[in-house]
Amino acid sequence: MENISTNLISLITFVIVILLVLLLVARILARKNRFAQQIDELQQQVNSQEIQLLELQDLLARQQSQLEINQRHCTESQIENEQVSKQLEHRIKVTQEQFSNQFQSIEQVLHQQPEDKLYTRAQKLVELGADLAEIIRECDIPRAEAEMLLSIHQRKAVK
């Protein structure tokens, strides 16, 4: 009997060892499955991040292209604005010169000799039909000059 008890104890020990090995194998397999799941999840994250990286690189390339286009347009606009500015500066200068010349002409007319004003007035009187005596009296010019103004006016009227 002793032999049977020893055998039984050995058998129970063997079964316990087998069960422990099976439990250990089951735990290892469970960990392996968890690690495999974690690896799959990490691989999916890596794939997702690679896709995001590609999308970001594409977006960056498009934005750089748009930036270059905008810079070109900006440079072209700046050049055009500089040309327009130069043209406007030239026009302003020409206009200022014309204004200055006209202002000087007006000043000259305003500062003409009083005799010039008298002759201008006499010419107007002749055009309005004044006679010789009226022209001499109103403008205080010599008779010969008044006659000359009348004769010039009559010649113009005949033509």
C-alpha atoms as a PDB file:
ATOM      1  CA  MET A   1       0.000   0.000   0.000  1.00  0.00           C
ATOM      2  CA  GLU A   2       2.719   2.186   0.593  1.00  0.00           C
ATOM      3  CA  ASN A   3       3.575   1.943  -2.976  1.00  0.00           C
ATOM      4  CA  ILE A   4       0.096   2.968  -3.957  1.00  0.00           C
ATOM      5  CA  SER A   5       0.204   5.967  -1.633  1.00  0.00           C
ATOM      6  CA  THR A   6       3.494   7.040  -3.035  1.00  0.00           C
ATOM      7  CA  ASN A   7       2.195   6.583  -6.512  1.00  0.00           C
ATOM      8  CA  LEU A   8      -0.925   8.457  -5.645  1.00  0.00           C
ATOM      9  CA  ILE A   9       1.059  11.282  -4.131  1.00  0.00           C
ATOM     10  CA  SER A  10       3.296  11.318  -7.167  1.00  0.00           C
ATOM     11  CA  LEU A  11       0.262  11.346  -9.408  1.00  0.00           C
ATOM     12  CA  ILE A  12      -1.381  14.164  -7.491  1.00  0.00           C
ATOM     13  CA  THR A  13       1.885  16.079  -7.532  1.00  0.00           C
ATOM     14  CA  PHE A  14       2.180  15.457 -11.242  1.00  0.00           C
ATOM     15  CA  VAL A  15      -1.404  16.639 -11.844  1.00  0.00           C
ATOM     16  CA  ILE A  16      -0.778  19.722  -9.731  1.00  0.00           C
ATOM     17  CA  VAL A  17       2.403  20.452 -11.667  1.00  0.00           C
ATOM     18  CA  ILE A  18       0.547  19.969 -14.958  1.00  0.00           C
ATOM     19  CA  LEU A  19      -2.230  22.258 -13.754  1.00  0.00           C
ATOM     20  CA  LEU A  20       0.323  24.846 -12.702  1.00  0.00           C
ATOM     21  CA  VAL A  21       2.037  24.562 -16.074  1.00  0.00           C
ATOM     22  CA  LEU A  22      -1.331  24.889 -17.819  1.00  0.00           C
ATOM     23  CA  LEU A  23      -2.173  27.953 -15.711  1.00  0.00           C
ATOM     24  CA  LEU A  24       1.213  29.407 -16.465  1.00  0.00           C
ATOM     25  CA  VAL A  25       0.782  28.694 -20.180  1.00  0.00           C
ATOM     26  CA  ALA A  26      -2.736  30.224 -20.067  1.00  0.00           C
ATOM     27  CA  ARG A  27      -1.373  33.365 -18.382  1.00  0.00           C
ATOM     28  CA  ILE A  28       1.427  33.576 -20.891  1.00  0.00           C
ATOM     29  CA  LEU A  29      -1.045  33.171 -23.746  1.00  0.00           C
ATOM     30  CA  ALA A  30      -3.341  35.800 -22.203  1.00  0.00           C
ATOM     31  CA  ARG A  31      -0.406  38.214 -21.886  1.00  0.00           C
ATOM     32  CA  LYS A  32       0.652  37.365 -25.409  1.00  0.00           C
ATOM     33  CA  ASN A  33      -2.849  38.186 -26.637  1.00  0.00           C
ATOM     34  CA  ARG A  34      -2.842  41.480 -24.687  1.00  0.00           C
ATOM     35  CA  PHE A  35       0.578  42.324 -26.072  1.00  0.00           C
ATOM     36  CA  ALA A  36      -0.625  41.413 -29.556  1.00  0.00           C
ATOM     37  CA  GLN A  37      -3.661  43.668 -29.078  1.00  0.00           C
ATOM     38  CA  GLN A  38      -1.473  46.489 -27.792  1.00  0.00           C
ATOM     39  CA  ILE A  39       0.877  45.996 -30.725  1.00  0.00           C
ATOM     40  CA  ASP A  40      -2.099  46.085 -33.122  1.00  0.00           C
ATOM     41  CA  GLU A  41      -3.426  49.253 -31.471  1.00  0.00           C
ATOM     42  CA  LEU A  42       0.010  50.854 -31.593  1.00  0.00           C
ATOM     43  CA  GLN A  43       0.367  49.826 -35.246  1.00  0.00           C
ATOM     44  CA  GLN A  44      -3.021  51.390 -35.997  1.00  0.00           C
ATOM     45  CA  GLN A  45      -1.937  54.565 -34.224  1.00  0.00           C
ATOM     46  CA  VAL A  46       1.306  54.592 -36.210  1.00  0.00           C
ATOM     47  CA  ASN A  47      -0.648  54.095 -39.449  1.00  0.00           C
ATOM     48  CA  SER A  48      -3.088  56.847 -38.474  1.00  0.00           C
ATOM     49  CA  GLN A  49      -0.235  59.190 -37.598  1.00  0.00           C
ATOM     50  CA  GLU A  50       1.502  58.386 -40.889  1.00  0.00           C
ATOM     51  CA  ILE A  51      -1.699  59.276 -42.740  1.00  0.00           C
ATOM     52  CA  GLN A  52      -1.983  62.491 -40.729  1.00  0.00           C
ATOM     53  CA  LEU A  53       1.657  63.266 -41.453  1.00  0.00           C
ATOM     54  CA  LEU A  54       1.093  62.778 -45.194  1.00  0.00           C
ATOM     55  CA  GLU A  55      -2.004  64.998 -45.052  1.00  0.00           C
ATOM     56  CA  LEU A  56      -0.083  67.661 -43.145  1.00  0.00           C
ATOM     57  CA  GLN A  57       2.797  67.491 -45.614  1.00  0.00           C
ATOM     58  CA  ASP A  58       0.339  67.864 -48.495  1.00  0.00           C
ATOM     59  CA  LEU A  59      -1.355  70.793 -46.753  1.00  0.00           C
ATOM     60  CA  LEU A  60       2.023  72.401 -46.093  1.00  0.00           C
ATOM     61  CA  ALA A  61       3.010  72.008 -49.746  1.00  0.00           C
ATOM     62  CA  ARG A  62      -0.285  73.593 -50.903  1.00  0.00           C
ATOM     63  CA  GLN A  63       0.097  76.464 -48.444  1.00  0.00           C
ATOM     64  CA  GLN A  64       3.683  77.068 -49.527  1.00  0.00           C
ATOM     65  CA  SER A  65       2.530  77.114 -53.134  1.00  0.00           C
ATOM     66  CA  GLN A  66      -0.259  79.567 -52.282  1.00  0.00           C
ATOM     67  CA  LEU A  67       2.218  81.681 -50.316  1.00  0.00           C
ATOM     68  CA  GLU A  68       4.545  81.848 -53.315  1.00  0.00           C
ATOM     69  CA  ILE A  69       1.626  82.875 -55.544  1.00  0.00           C
ATOM     70  CA  ASN A  70       0.577  85.537 -53.028  1.00  0.00           C
ATOM     71  CA  GLN A  71       4.156  86.814 -52.786  1.00  0.00           C
ATOM     72  CA  ARG A  72       4.343  87.066 -56.588  1.00  0.00           C
ATOM     73  CA  HIS A  73       1.050  88.954 -56.709  1.00  0.00           C
ATOM     74  CA  CYS A  74       2.221  91.220 -53.913  1.00  0.00           C
ATOM     75  CA  THR A  75       5.490  91.944 -55.699  1.00  0.00           C
ATOM     76  CA  GLU A  76       3.665  92.612 -58.978  1.00  0.00           C
ATOM     77  CA  SER A  77       1.221  94.923 -57.198  1.00  0.00           C
ATOM     78  CA  GLN A  78       4.058  96.746 -55.490  1.00  0.00           C
ATOM     79  CA  ILE A  79       5.847  97.283 -58.812  1.00  0.00           C
ATOM     80  CA  GLU A  80       2.606  98.455 -60.418  1.00  0.00           C
ATOM     81  CA  ASN A  81       1.920 100.808 -57.498  1.00  0.00           C
ATOM     82  CA  GLU A  82       5.432 102.246 -57.757  1.00  0.00           C
ATOM     83  CA  GLN A  83       4.937 102.860 -61.492  1.00  0.00           C
ATOM     84  CA  VAL A  84       1.561 104.503 -60.914  1.00  0.00           C
ATOM     85  CA  SER A  85       3.077 106.579 -58.125  1.00  0.00           C
ATOM     86  CA  LYS A  86       5.863 107.768 -60.413  1.00  0.00           C
ATOM     87  CA  GLN A  87       3.333 108.626 -63.132  1.00  0.00           C
ATOM     88  CA  LEU A  88       1.214 110.530 -60.624  1.00  0.00           C
ATOM     89  CA  GLU A  89       4.260 112.381 -59.312  1.00  0.00           C
ATOM     90  CA  HIS A  90       5.122 113.381 -62.887  1.00  0.00           C
ATOM     91  CA  ARG A  91       1.547 114.513 -63.557  1.00  0.00           C
ATOM     92  CA  ILE A  92       1.512 116.510 -60.322  1.00  0.00           C
ATOM     93  CA  LYS A  93       4.791 118.169 -61.256  1.00  0.00           C
ATOM     94  CA  VAL A  94       3.517 119.030 -64.750  1.00  0.00           C
ATOM     95  CA  THR A  95       0.228 120.314 -63.309  1.00  0.00           C
ATOM     96  CA  GLN A  96       2.086 122.410 -60.735  1.00  0.00           C
ATOM     97  CA  GLU A  97       4.243 123.887 -63.491  1.00  0.00           C
ATOM     98  CA  GLN A  98       1.153 124.651 -65.582  1.00  0.00           C
ATOM     99  CA  PHE A  99      -0.527 126.206 -62.562  1.00  0.00           C
ATOM    100  CA  SER A 100       2.557 128.273 -61.824  1.00  0.00           C
ATOM    101  CA  ASN A 101       2.726 129.467 -65.440  1.00  0.00           C
ATOM    102  CA  GLN A 102      -0.965 130.366 -65.438  1.00  0.00           C
ATOM    103  CA  PHE A 103      -0.596 132.124 -62.104  1.00  0.00           C
ATOM    104  CA  GLN A 104       2.311 134.152 -63.503  1.00  0.00           C
ATOM    105  CA  SER A 105       0.225 135.017 -66.574  1.00  0.00           C
ATOM    106  CA  ILE A 106      -2.617 136.192 -64.346  1.00  0.00           C
ATOM    107  CA  GLU A 107      -0.185 138.220 -62.257  1.00  0.00           C
ATOM    108  CA  GLN A 108       1.172 139.834 -65.408  1.00  0.00           C
ATOM    109  CA  VAL A 109      -2.321 140.699 -66.602  1.00  0.00           C
ATOM    110  CA  LEU A 110      -3.195 142.146 -63.200  1.00  0.00           C
ATOM    111  CA  HIS A 111      -0.030 144.230 -63.112  1.00  0.00           C
ATOM    112  CA  GLN A 112      -0.266 145.513 -66.672  1.00  0.00           C
ATOM    113  CA  GLN A 113       0.330 149.164 -67.235  1.00  0.00           C
ATOM    114  CA  PRO A 114      -2.772 151.300 -66.781  1.00  0.00           C
ATOM    115  CA  GLU A 115      -2.478 152.317 -70.436  1.00  0.00           C
ATOM    116  CA  ASP A 116      -3.004 148.703 -71.448  1.00  0.00           C
ATOM    117  CA  LYS A 117      -6.209 148.663 -69.426  1.00  0.00           C
ATOM    118  CA  LEU A 118      -7.346 151.848 -71.129  1.00  0.00           C
ATOM    119  CA  TYR A 119      -6.761 150.375 -74.569  1.00  0.00           C
ATOM    120  CA  THR A 120      -8.593 147.223 -73.583  1.00  0.00           C
ATOM    121  CA  ARG A 121     -11.517 149.330 -72.383  1.00  0.00           C
ATOM    122  CA  ALA A 122     -11.402 151.392 -75.575  1.00  0.00           C
ATOM    123  CA  GLN A 123     -11.528 148.199 -77.644  1.00  0.00           C
ATOM    124  CA  LYS A 124     -14.632 147.093 -75.719  1.00  0.00           C
ATOM    125  CA  LEU A 125     -16.294 150.449 -76.240  1.00  0.00           C
ATOM    126  CA  VAL A 126     -15.605 150.216 -79.994  1.00  0.00           C
ATOM    127  CA  GLU A 127     -17.130 146.721 -80.076  1.00  0.00           C
ATOM    128  CA  LEU A 128     -20.195 148.060 -78.235  1.00  0.00           C
ATOM    129  CA  GLY A 129     -20.622 150.759 -80.903  1.00  0.00           C
ATOM    130  CA  ALA A 130     -19.322 153.864 -79.104  1.00  0.00           C
ATOM    131  CA  ASP A 131     -18.439 156.890 -81.255  1.00  0.00           C
ATOM    132  CA  LEU A 132     -15.050 158.621 -81.488  1.00  0.00           C
ATOM    133  CA  ALA A 133     -15.788 161.337 -78.935  1.00  0.00           C
ATOM    134  CA  GLU A 134     -17.061 158.901 -76.336  1.00  0.00           C
ATOM    135  CA  ILE A 135     -13.964 156.679 -76.717  1.00  0.00           C
ATOM    136  CA  ILE A 136     -11.611 159.691 -76.340  1.00  0.00           C
ATOM    137  CA  ARG A 137     -13.517 161.011 -73.324  1.00  0.00           C
ATOM    138  CA  GLU A 138     -13.955 157.665 -71.483  1.00  0.00           C
ATOM    139  CA  CYS A 139     -10.488 156.200 -72.109  1.00  0.00           C
ATOM    140  CA  ASP A 140      -8.388 159.330 -72.196  1.00  0.00           C
ATOM    141  CA  ILE A 141      -6.477 158.258 -75.314  1.00  0.00           C
ATOM    142  CA  PRO A 142      -5.285 160.455 -78.204  1.00  0.00           C
ATOM    143  CA  ARG A 143      -7.684 161.061 -81.128  1.00  0.00           C
ATOM    144  CA  ALA A 144      -5.416 159.303 -83.669  1.00  0.00           C
ATOM    145  CA  GLU A 145      -5.361 156.119 -81.575  1.00  0.00           C
ATOM    146  CA  ALA A 146      -9.131 156.170 -81.125  1.00  0.00           C
ATOM    147  CA  GLU A 147      -9.576 156.613 -84.898  1.00  0.00           C
ATOM    148  CA  MET A 148      -7.211 153.722 -85.519  1.00  0.00           C
ATOM    149  CA  LEU A 149      -9.226 151.466 -83.168  1.00  0.00           C
ATOM    150  CA  LEU A 150     -12.459 152.418 -84.952  1.00  0.00           C
ATOM    151  CA  SER A 151     -10.972 151.759 -88.392  1.00  0.00           C
ATOM    152  CA  ILE A 152      -9.588 148.338 -87.345  1.00  0.00           C
ATOM    153  CA  HIS A 153     -12.993 147.410 -85.961  1.00  0.00           C
ATOM    154  CA  GLN A 154     -14.728 148.526 -89.156  1.00  0.00           C
ATOM    155  CA  ARG A 155     -12.353 146.417 -91.279  1.00  0.00           C
ATOM    156  CA  LYS A 156     -13.046 143.358 -89.124  1.00  0.00           C
ATOM    157  CA  ALA A 157     -16.772 143.972 -89.405  1.00  0.00           C
ATOM    158  CA  VAL A 158     -16.565 144.225 -93.226  1.00  0.00           C
ATOM    159  CA  LYS A 159     -14.735 140.894 -93.542  1.00  0.00           C
END
